[in-house]
Amino acid sequence: MNNTSRFKMRIYSPRWGHEDLYHFIKTKEGWKFENYRCKGEVDRGGSPLFYKTLVSESIYYPHDLESYISMIWDKVEILNKEQVQYIFDELSEWLSTSEKDFH
């Protein structure tokens, strides 16, 4: 797979009442992460910037989310872009549903 493939997550933000968009591009050591507030390099699990951004948006997330993001990183080379995006979509739905149910 082309390592410049951009994957996205749409996660509901209770702070703003709508979904925010987060982008991930696989790098040799982790991900390039970006959203409307910030961008930078993160590790395979999305730390630290992705989680700092979620906290700043008042988005609660399960402690094992980092393991899921890391698992996706491991699979980018063996799955096609649509399959990887599907996994990100499932995580997005899980987080968004949890947030909507919580608030």
Protein backbone atom coordinates (compact mmCIF):
# COMPACT_ATOMS: atom_id res chain seq x y z
CA MET A 1 0.00 0.00 0.00
CA ASN A 2 1.08 3.55 -0.64
CA ASN A 3 2.33 4.95 2.68
CA THR A 4 0.92 8.36 1.83
CA SER A 5 -2.63 7.02 2.06
CA ARG A 6 -4.63 9.27 4.35
CA PHE A 7 -7.07 7.69 6.75
CA LYS A 8 -9.69 9.60 8.66
CA MET A 9 -11.71 9.35 11.81
CA ARG A 10 -14.88 11.34 12.46
CA ILE A 11 -15.49 11.51 16.19
CA TYR A 12 -18.39 13.25 17.89
CA SER A 13 -17.25 16.14 20.07
CA PRO A 14 -19.58 16.91 22.97
CA ARG A 15 -17.79 20.21 23.35
CA TRP A 16 -19.00 21.42 19.94
CA GLY A 17 -21.97 19.12 19.32
CA HIS A 18 -20.70 17.80 15.99
CA GLU A 19 -18.15 15.38 14.58
CA ASP A 20 -14.52 16.45 14.32
CA LEU A 21 -12.24 15.09 11.61
CA TYR A 22 -8.88 13.48 12.40
CA HIS A 23 -6.37 12.36 9.76
CA PHE A 24 -3.66 9.69 9.98
CA ILE A 25 -0.90 8.95 7.45
CA LYS A 26 1.38 6.00 8.18
CA THR A 27 5.09 6.80 8.56
CA LYS A 28 8.07 4.55 9.17
CA GLU A 29 7.84 5.00 12.95
CA GLY A 30 4.19 5.91 13.52
CA TRP A 31 1.68 8.32 12.01
CA LYS A 32 1.46 11.87 10.78
CA PHE A 33 -1.57 13.13 12.68
CA GLU A 34 -3.67 16.17 11.86
CA ASN A 35 -6.95 17.81 12.76
CA TYR A 36 -8.25 21.37 12.58
CA ARG A 37 -6.37 22.35 15.76
CA CYS A 38 -2.95 20.77 15.35
CA LYS A 39 -0.71 18.41 13.43
CA GLY A 40 2.44 16.46 14.12
CA GLU A 41 4.13 13.10 14.43
CA VAL A 42 2.69 10.49 16.79
CA ASP A 43 3.77 6.96 17.64
CA ARG A 44 2.12 3.78 16.29
CA GLY A 45 -0.63 4.02 18.88
CA GLY A 46 -1.33 7.73 18.28
CA SER A 47 0.48 9.08 21.35
CA PRO A 48 0.78 11.69 22.52
CA LEU A 49 -0.87 14.27 20.25
CA PHE A 50 -4.03 12.35 19.25
CA TYR A 51 -4.95 11.72 22.89
CA LYS A 52 -4.11 15.25 24.00
CA THR A 53 -6.45 16.47 21.26
CA LEU A 54 -9.25 14.13 22.37
CA VAL A 55 -8.90 15.34 25.96
CA SER A 56 -8.92 19.00 24.87
CA GLU A 57 -12.18 18.30 23.00
CA SER A 58 -13.69 16.64 26.11
CA ILE A 59 -13.79 13.29 24.32
CA TYR A 60 -13.42 10.35 26.66
CA TYR A 61 -11.82 7.27 25.17
CA PRO A 62 -11.15 3.71 26.36
CA HIS A 63 -7.66 3.03 27.67
CA ASP A 64 -7.14 0.32 25.03
CA LEU A 65 -7.75 2.67 22.08
CA GLU A 66 -3.98 3.02 21.71
CA SER A 67 -3.73 -0.75 21.16
CA TYR A 68 -6.35 -0.58 18.39
CA ILE A 69 -4.58 2.30 16.62
CA SER A 70 -1.29 0.40 16.88
CA MET A 71 -2.95 -2.73 15.45
CA ILE A 72 -4.14 -0.70 12.47
CA TRP A 73 -0.58 0.58 11.93
CA ASP A 74 0.62 -3.05 11.81
CA LYS A 75 -2.03 -3.95 9.21
CA VAL A 76 -1.69 -1.03 6.78
CA GLU A 77 0.75 -2.93 4.56
CA ILE A 78 -1.35 -6.10 4.29
CA LEU A 79 -4.87 -4.65 3.93
CA ASN A 80 -6.13 -2.43 1.14
CA LYS A 81 -6.99 1.22 1.77
CA GLU A 82 -10.73 0.54 2.02
CA GLN A 83 -10.21 -2.18 4.62
CA VAL A 84 -8.00 0.06 6.74
CA GLN A 85 -10.46 2.94 6.44
CA TYR A 86 -13.26 0.59 7.48
CA ILE A 87 -11.40 -0.20 10.73
CA PHE A 88 -10.91 3.53 11.40
CA ASP A 89 -14.63 4.05 10.65
CA GLU A 90 -15.58 1.34 13.14
CA LEU A 91 -13.38 2.93 15.82
CA SER A 92 -14.90 6.33 15.04
CA GLU A 93 -18.41 4.95 15.40
CA TRP A 94 -17.52 3.24 18.67
CA LEU A 95 -16.04 6.43 20.16
CA SER A 96 -18.84 8.65 18.87
CA THR A 97 -21.58 6.36 20.13
CA SER A 98 -19.91 6.18 23.52
CA GLU A 99 -19.68 9.97 23.68
CA LYS A 100 -23.30 10.50 22.64
CA ASP A 101 -24.47 7.92 25.18
CA PHE A 102 -22.33 9.48 27.92
CA HIS A 103 -23.58 13.03 27.36
